[in-house]
Amino acid sequence: MGSHVYGGVTGNTLVWRSGNVTSRVTVSNDDCFPLVTTTVTTGGVWSLTLSNFQNVTEGIKDVPVSVFDLPDGCPK
């Protein structure tokens, strides 16, 4: 779908379709961080799901009690 700007962050939108479902995801150009996702389902039951990601920090924040163990390939 092309390049867009969200609050000063430039992103790229990708679209894919499967049957009666169309999904779009926009990710930041610099680090591929999700900015917006939408999914539209048509047919017997129509639905629209929209998600905007704002005020987020990339990565996993260290917490006093570990919720899970990071896989070996993930940066710490």
PDB file of N, CA and C in Angstrom:
ATOM      1  N   MET A   1       0.820  -1.187   0.000  1.00  0.00           N
ATOM      2  CA  MET A   1       0.000   0.000   0.000  1.00  0.00           C
ATOM      3  C   MET A   1       0.869   1.258   0.000  1.00  0.00           C
ATOM      4  N   GLY A   2       2.131   1.154   0.381  1.00  0.00           N
ATOM      5  CA  GLY A   2       2.984   2.315   0.302  1.00  0.00           C
ATOM      6  C   GLY A   2       3.426   2.856   1.636  1.00  0.00           C
ATOM      7  N   SER A   3       4.105   3.997   1.561  1.00  0.00           N
ATOM      8  CA  SER A   3       4.698   4.626   2.728  1.00  0.00           C
ATOM      9  C   SER A   3       3.737   5.651   3.336  1.00  0.00           C
ATOM     10  N   HIS A   4       3.698   5.733   4.665  1.00  0.00           N
ATOM     11  CA  HIS A   4       2.837   6.665   5.386  1.00  0.00           C
ATOM     12  C   HIS A   4       3.619   7.237   6.559  1.00  0.00           C
ATOM     13  N   VAL A   5       3.126   8.336   7.141  1.00  0.00           N
ATOM     14  CA  VAL A   5       3.761   8.937   8.310  1.00  0.00           C
ATOM     15  C   VAL A   5       2.757   8.948   9.456  1.00  0.00           C
ATOM     16  N   TYR A   6       3.153   8.419  10.628  1.00  0.00           N
ATOM     17  CA  TYR A   6       2.327   8.365  11.824  1.00  0.00           C
ATOM     18  C   TYR A   6       3.054   9.089  12.942  1.00  0.00           C
ATOM     19  N   GLY A   7       2.600  10.276  13.307  1.00  0.00           N
ATOM     20  CA  GLY A   7       3.228  11.025  14.390  1.00  0.00           C
ATOM     21  C   GLY A   7       4.720  11.229  14.178  1.00  0.00           C
ATOM     22  N   GLY A   8       5.132  11.457  12.955  1.00  0.00           N
ATOM     23  CA  GLY A   8       6.535  11.674  12.655  1.00  0.00           C
ATOM     24  C   GLY A   8       7.316  10.414  12.339  1.00  0.00           C
ATOM     25  N   VAL A   9       6.700   9.244  12.500  1.00  0.00           N
ATOM     26  CA  VAL A   9       7.361   7.968  12.200  1.00  0.00           C
ATOM     27  C   VAL A   9       6.902   7.498  10.830  1.00  0.00           C
ATOM     28  N   THR A  10       7.848   7.240   9.942  1.00  0.00           N
ATOM     29  CA  THR A  10       7.508   6.763   8.604  1.00  0.00           C
ATOM     30  C   THR A  10       7.320   5.259   8.642  1.00  0.00           C
ATOM     31  N   GLY A  11       6.220   4.803   8.039  1.00  0.00           N
ATOM     32  CA  GLY A  11       5.930   3.377   8.044  1.00  0.00           C
ATOM     33  C   GLY A  11       5.554   2.870   6.675  1.00  0.00           C
ATOM     34  N   ASN A  12       5.596   1.561   6.529  1.00  0.00           N
ATOM     35  CA  ASN A  12       5.210   0.866   5.310  1.00  0.00           C
ATOM     36  C   ASN A  12       4.031  -0.038   5.615  1.00  0.00           C
ATOM     37  N   THR A  13       3.045  -0.055   4.723  1.00  0.00           N
ATOM     38  CA  THR A  13       1.854  -0.881   4.917  1.00  0.00           C
ATOM     39  C   THR A  13       1.896  -2.082   3.986  1.00  0.00           C
ATOM     40  N   LEU A  14       1.661  -3.243   4.559  1.00  0.00           N
ATOM     41  CA  LEU A  14       1.591  -4.493   3.807  1.00  0.00           C
ATOM     42  C   LEU A  14       0.162  -5.013   3.871  1.00  0.00           C
ATOM     43  N   VAL A  15      -0.333  -5.571   2.777  1.00  0.00           N
ATOM     44  CA  VAL A  15      -1.710  -6.077   2.696  1.00  0.00           C
ATOM     45  C   VAL A  15      -1.679  -7.511   2.222  1.00  0.00           C
ATOM     46  N   TRP A  16      -2.515  -8.360   2.827  1.00  0.00           N
ATOM     47  CA  TRP A  16      -2.679  -9.717   2.332  1.00  0.00           C
ATOM     48  C   TRP A  16      -4.141 -10.127   2.484  1.00  0.00           C
ATOM     49  N   ARG A  17      -4.568 -11.007   1.591  1.00  0.00           N
ATOM     50  CA  ARG A  17      -5.953 -11.466   1.555  1.00  0.00           C
ATOM     51  C   ARG A  17      -5.985 -12.991   1.554  1.00  0.00           C
ATOM     52  N   SER A  18      -6.975 -13.522   2.260  1.00  0.00           N
ATOM     53  CA  SER A  18      -7.205 -14.956   2.275  1.00  0.00           C
ATOM     54  C   SER A  18      -8.711 -15.168   2.348  1.00  0.00           C
ATOM     55  N   GLY A  19      -9.291 -15.634   1.258  1.00  0.00           N
ATOM     56  CA  GLY A  19     -10.739 -15.834   1.227  1.00  0.00           C
ATOM     57  C   GLY A  19     -11.464 -14.515   1.439  1.00  0.00           C
ATOM     58  N   ASN A  20     -12.285 -14.450   2.497  1.00  0.00           N
ATOM     59  CA  ASN A  20     -13.062 -13.243   2.762  1.00  0.00           C
ATOM     60  C   ASN A  20     -12.427 -12.344   3.833  1.00  0.00           C
ATOM     61  N   VAL A  21     -11.130 -12.542   4.103  1.00  0.00           N
ATOM     62  CA  VAL A  21     -10.424 -11.761   5.120  1.00  0.00           C
ATOM     63  C   VAL A  21      -9.313 -10.941   4.451  1.00  0.00           C
ATOM     64  N   THR A  22      -9.298  -9.634   4.742  1.00  0.00           N
ATOM     65  CA  THR A  22      -8.229  -8.751   4.287  1.00  0.00           C
ATOM     66  C   THR A  22      -7.551  -8.164   5.513  1.00  0.00           C
ATOM     67  N   SER A  23      -6.240  -8.291   5.587  1.00  0.00           N
ATOM     68  CA  SER A  23      -5.477  -7.764   6.720  1.00  0.00           C
ATOM     69  C   SER A  23      -4.437  -6.786   6.222  1.00  0.00           C
ATOM     70  N   ARG A  24      -4.204  -5.744   7.035  1.00  0.00           N
ATOM     71  CA  ARG A  24      -3.170  -4.757   6.753  1.00  0.00           C
ATOM     72  C   ARG A  24      -2.362  -4.553   8.020  1.00  0.00           C
ATOM     73  N   VAL A  25      -1.060  -4.401   7.864  1.00  0.00           N
ATOM     74  CA  VAL A  25      -0.201  -4.049   8.990  1.00  0.00           C
ATOM     75  C   VAL A  25       0.757  -2.961   8.510  1.00  0.00           C
ATOM     76  N   THR A  26       0.876  -1.912   9.313  1.00  0.00           N
ATOM     77  CA  THR A  26       1.837  -0.852   9.031  1.00  0.00           C
ATOM     78  C   THR A  26       2.924  -0.926  10.082  1.00  0.00           C
ATOM     79  N   VAL A  27       4.169  -1.007   9.624  1.00  0.00           N
ATOM     80  CA  VAL A  27       5.313  -1.098  10.524  1.00  0.00           C
ATOM     81  C   VAL A  27       6.251   0.069  10.243  1.00  0.00           C
ATOM     82  N   SER A  28       7.021   0.470  11.264  1.00  0.00           N
ATOM     83  CA  SER A  28       7.976   1.562  11.090  1.00  0.00           C
ATOM     84  C   SER A  28       9.096   1.128  10.162  1.00  0.00           C
ATOM     85  N   ASN A  29       9.560   2.061   9.342  1.00  0.00           N
ATOM     86  CA  ASN A  29      10.633   1.745   8.391  1.00  0.00           C
ATOM     87  C   ASN A  29      11.942   1.429   9.094  1.00  0.00           C
ATOM     88  N   ASP A  30      12.227   2.127  10.201  1.00  0.00           N
ATOM     89  CA  ASP A  30      13.527   1.969  10.851  1.00  0.00           C
ATOM     90  C   ASP A  30      13.711   0.628  11.540  1.00  0.00           C
ATOM     91  N   ASP A  31      12.689   0.175  12.293  1.00  0.00           N
ATOM     92  CA  ASP A  31      12.885  -1.035  13.099  1.00  0.00           C
ATOM     93  C   ASP A  31      11.755  -2.052  12.964  1.00  0.00           C
ATOM     94  N   CYS A  32      10.875  -1.860  11.991  1.00  0.00           N
ATOM     95  CA  CYS A  32       9.794  -2.816  11.720  1.00  0.00           C
ATOM     96  C   CYS A  32       8.853  -2.978  12.918  1.00  0.00           C
ATOM     97  N   PHE A  33       8.704  -1.915  13.700  1.00  0.00           N
ATOM     98  CA  PHE A  33       7.832  -1.929  14.878  1.00  0.00           C
ATOM     99  C   PHE A  33       6.393  -1.716  14.427  1.00  0.00           C
ATOM    100  N   PRO A  34       5.424  -2.515  14.897  1.00  0.00           N
ATOM    101  CA  PRO A  34       4.033  -2.355  14.441  1.00  0.00           C
ATOM    102  C   PRO A  34       3.453  -1.011  14.883  1.00  0.00           C
ATOM    103  N   LEU A  35       2.774  -0.328  13.963  1.00  0.00           N
ATOM    104  CA  LEU A  35       2.117   0.940  14.256  1.00  0.00           C
ATOM    105  C   LEU A  35       0.599   0.804  14.227  1.00  0.00           C
ATOM    106  N   VAL A  36       0.078   0.153  13.181  1.00  0.00           N
ATOM    107  CA  VAL A  36      -1.367   0.001  12.985  1.00  0.00           C
ATOM    108  C   VAL A  36      -1.630  -1.360  12.357  1.00  0.00           C
ATOM    109  N   THR A  37      -2.676  -2.043  12.821  1.00  0.00           N
ATOM    110  CA  THR A  37      -3.145  -3.255  12.143  1.00  0.00           C
ATOM    111  C   THR A  37      -4.649  -3.141  11.933  1.00  0.00           C
ATOM    112  N   THR A  38      -5.130  -3.653  10.813  1.00  0.00           N
ATOM    113  CA  THR A  38      -6.565  -3.742  10.560  1.00  0.00           C
ATOM    114  C   THR A  38      -6.866  -5.089   9.920  1.00  0.00           C
ATOM    115  N   THR A  39      -8.021  -5.623  10.255  1.00  0.00           N
ATOM    116  CA  THR A  39      -8.507  -6.858   9.636  1.00  0.00           C
ATOM    117  C   THR A  39      -9.988  -6.668   9.327  1.00  0.00           C
ATOM    118  N   VAL A  40     -10.367  -6.933   8.092  1.00  0.00           N
ATOM    119  CA  VAL A  40     -11.758  -6.832   7.658  1.00  0.00           C
ATOM    120  C   VAL A  40     -12.205  -8.195   7.176  1.00  0.00           C
ATOM    121  N   THR A  41     -13.329  -8.662   7.721  1.00  0.00           N
ATOM    122  CA  THR A  41     -13.932  -9.918   7.287  1.00  0.00           C
ATOM    123  C   THR A  41     -15.273  -9.595   6.642  1.00  0.00           C
ATOM    124  N   THR A  42     -15.501 -10.128   5.443  1.00  0.00           N
ATOM    125  CA  THR A  42     -16.757  -9.887   4.732  1.00  0.00           C
ATOM    126  C   THR A  42     -17.481 -11.203   4.542  1.00  0.00           C
ATOM    127  N   GLY A  43     -18.707 -11.109   4.101  1.00  0.00           N
ATOM    128  CA  GLY A  43     -19.483 -12.320   3.867  1.00  0.00           C
ATOM    129  C   GLY A  43     -20.695 -12.345   4.767  1.00  0.00           C
ATOM    130  N   GLY A  44     -21.021 -13.522   5.318  1.00  0.00           N
ATOM    131  CA  GLY A  44     -22.195 -13.680   6.168  1.00  0.00           C
ATOM    132  C   GLY A  44     -22.157 -12.775   7.388  1.00  0.00           C
ATOM    133  N   VAL A  45     -21.029 -12.735   8.055  1.00  0.00           N
ATOM    134  CA  VAL A  45     -20.844 -11.858   9.217  1.00  0.00           C
ATOM    135  C   VAL A  45     -19.677 -10.933   8.904  1.00  0.00           C
ATOM    136  N   TRP A  46     -19.935  -9.641   8.904  1.00  0.00           N
ATOM    137  CA  TRP A  46     -18.897  -8.651   8.621  1.00  0.00           C
ATOM    138  C   TRP A  46     -18.277  -8.200   9.927  1.00  0.00           C
ATOM    139  N   SER A  47     -16.958  -7.972   9.910  1.00  0.00           N
ATOM    140  CA  SER A  47     -16.311  -7.445  11.109  1.00  0.00           C
ATOM    141  C   SER A  47     -15.102  -6.596  10.716  1.00  0.00           C
ATOM    142  N   LEU A  48     -14.752  -5.673  11.607  1.00  0.00           N
ATOM    143  CA  LEU A  48     -13.581  -4.822  11.437  1.00  0.00           C
ATOM    144  C   LEU A  48     -12.844  -4.783  12.759  1.00  0.00           C
ATOM    145  N   THR A  49     -11.553  -5.078  12.724  1.00  0.00           N
ATOM    146  CA  THR A  49     -10.704  -4.990  13.906  1.00  0.00           C
ATOM    147  C   THR A  49      -9.586  -4.017  13.591  1.00  0.00           C
ATOM    148  N   LEU A  50      -9.394  -3.029  14.475  1.00  0.00           N
ATOM    149  CA  LEU A  50      -8.369  -2.013  14.281  1.00  0.00           C
ATOM    150  C   LEU A  50      -7.552  -1.882  15.549  1.00  0.00           C
ATOM    151  N   SER A  51      -6.224  -1.884  15.410  1.00  0.00           N
ATOM    152  CA  SER A  51      -5.325  -1.710  16.556  1.00  0.00           C
ATOM    153  C   SER A  51      -4.306  -0.628  16.228  1.00  0.00           C
ATOM    154  N   ASN A  52      -4.161   0.335  17.136  1.00  0.00           N
ATOM    155  CA  ASN A  52      -3.124   1.366  17.047  1.00  0.00           C
ATOM    156  C   ASN A  52      -2.176   1.161  18.209  1.00  0.00           C
ATOM    157  N   PHE A  53      -0.885   1.226  17.946  1.00  0.00           N
ATOM    158  CA  PHE A  53       0.118   1.046  18.995  1.00  0.00           C
ATOM    159  C   PHE A  53       0.755   2.404  19.269  1.00  0.00           C
ATOM    160  N   GLN A  54       0.617   2.890  20.516  1.00  0.00           N
ATOM    161  CA  GLN A  54       1.127   4.208  20.888  1.00  0.00           C
ATOM    162  C   GLN A  54       1.813   4.132  22.245  1.00  0.00           C
ATOM    163  N   ASN A  55       2.790   5.014  22.449  1.00  0.00           N
ATOM    164  CA  ASN A  55       3.497   5.107  23.732  1.00  0.00           C
ATOM    165  C   ASN A  55       4.045   3.755  24.193  1.00  0.00           C
ATOM    166  N   VAL A  56       4.670   3.052  23.289  1.00  0.00           N
ATOM    167  CA  VAL A  56       5.234   1.741  23.614  1.00  0.00           C
ATOM    168  C   VAL A  56       6.750   1.823  23.565  1.00  0.00           C
ATOM    169  N   THR A  57       7.393   0.903  24.246  1.00  0.00           N
ATOM    170  CA  THR A  57       8.839   0.807  24.252  1.00  0.00           C
ATOM    171  C   THR A  57       9.227  -0.542  23.674  1.00  0.00           C
ATOM    172  N   GLU A  58      10.136  -0.512  22.734  1.00  0.00           N
ATOM    173  CA  GLU A  58      10.564  -1.753  22.104  1.00  0.00           C
ATOM    174  C   GLU A  58      11.397  -2.571  23.076  1.00  0.00           C
ATOM    175  N   GLY A  59      11.228  -3.874  23.038  1.00  0.00           N
ATOM    176  CA  GLY A  59      12.021  -4.771  23.865  1.00  0.00           C
ATOM    177  C   GLY A  59      11.249  -5.272  25.070  1.00  0.00           C
ATOM    178  N   ILE A  60      11.944  -6.008  25.900  1.00  0.00           N
ATOM    179  CA  ILE A  60      11.350  -6.602  27.089  1.00  0.00           C
ATOM    180  C   ILE A  60      11.959  -5.922  28.305  1.00  0.00           C
ATOM    181  N   LYS A  61      11.117  -5.307  29.111  1.00  0.00           N
ATOM    182  CA  LYS A  61      11.596  -4.616  30.300  1.00  0.00           C
ATOM    183  C   LYS A  61      11.905  -5.637  31.385  1.00  0.00           C
ATOM    184  N   ASP A  62      13.046  -5.485  32.007  1.00  0.00           N
ATOM    185  CA  ASP A  62      13.444  -6.387  33.086  1.00  0.00           C
ATOM    186  C   ASP A  62      12.556  -6.128  34.300  1.00  0.00           C
ATOM    187  N   VAL A  63      11.972  -7.162  34.837  1.00  0.00           N
ATOM    188  CA  VAL A  63      11.115  -7.051  36.017  1.00  0.00           C
ATOM    189  C   VAL A  63      11.757  -7.838  37.154  1.00  0.00           C
ATOM    190  N   PRO A  64      11.425  -7.485  38.425  1.00  0.00           N
ATOM    191  CA  PRO A  64      12.045  -8.190  39.551  1.00  0.00           C
ATOM    192  C   PRO A  64      11.861  -9.706  39.515  1.00  0.00           C
ATOM    193  N   VAL A  65      10.691 -10.154  39.138  1.00  0.00           N
ATOM    194  CA  VAL A  65      10.422 -11.595  39.049  1.00  0.00           C
ATOM    195  C   VAL A  65      10.265 -11.940  37.576  1.00  0.00           C
ATOM    196  N   SER A  66      11.085 -12.855  37.075  1.00  0.00           N
ATOM    197  CA  SER A  66      11.027 -13.210  35.664  1.00  0.00           C
ATOM    198  C   SER A  66       9.720 -13.920  35.342  1.00  0.00           C
ATOM    199  N   VAL A  67       9.039 -13.413  34.319  1.00  0.00           N
ATOM    200  CA  VAL A  67       7.791 -14.028  33.879  1.00  0.00           C
ATOM    201  C   VAL A  67       8.077 -15.214  32.970  1.00  0.00           C
ATOM    202  N   PHE A  68       9.143 -15.092  32.189  1.00  0.00           N
ATOM    203  CA  PHE A  68       9.548 -16.178  31.307  1.00  0.00           C
ATOM    204  C   PHE A  68      11.033 -16.015  31.003  1.00  0.00           C
ATOM    205  N   ASP A  69      11.638 -17.067  30.491  1.00  0.00           N
ATOM    206  CA  ASP A  69      13.046 -17.036  30.119  1.00  0.00           C
ATOM    207  C   ASP A  69      13.174 -16.647  28.655  1.00  0.00           C
ATOM    208  N   LEU A  70      14.081 -15.721  28.378  1.00  0.00           N
ATOM    209  CA  LEU A  70      14.316 -15.309  26.996  1.00  0.00           C
ATOM    210  C   LEU A  70      15.022 -16.424  26.239  1.00  0.00           C
ATOM    211  N   PRO A  71      14.608 -16.664  25.002  1.00  0.00           N
ATOM    212  CA  PRO A  71      15.335 -17.638  24.173  1.00  0.00           C
ATOM    213  C   PRO A  71      16.776 -17.171  23.977  1.00  0.00           C
ATOM    214  N   ASP A  72      17.676 -18.093  23.750  1.00  0.00           N
ATOM    215  CA  ASP A  72      19.098 -17.785  23.600  1.00  0.00           C
ATOM    216  C   ASP A  72      19.371 -16.784  22.477  1.00  0.00           C
ATOM    217  N   GLY A  73      18.584 -16.796  21.421  1.00  0.00           N
ATOM    218  CA  GLY A  73      18.821 -15.915  20.274  1.00  0.00           C
ATOM    219  C   GLY A  73      18.382 -14.485  20.482  1.00  0.00           C
ATOM    220  N   CYS A  74      17.665 -14.175  21.564  1.00  0.00           N
ATOM    221  CA  CYS A  74      17.150 -12.824  21.791  1.00  0.00           C
ATOM    222  C   CYS A  74      18.173 -11.970  22.527  1.00  0.00           C
ATOM    223  N   PRO A  75      18.325 -10.697  22.092  1.00  0.00           N
ATOM    224  CA  PRO A  75      19.229  -9.817  22.828  1.00  0.00           C
ATOM    225  C   PRO A  75      18.675  -9.508  24.210  1.00  0.00           C
ATOM    226  N   LYS A  76      19.561  -9.369  25.179  1.00  0.00           N
ATOM    227  CA  LYS A  76      19.133  -9.102  26.556  1.00  0.00           C
ATOM    228  C   LYS A  76      19.498  -7.703  26.969  1.00  0.00           C
TER     229      LYS A  76
END
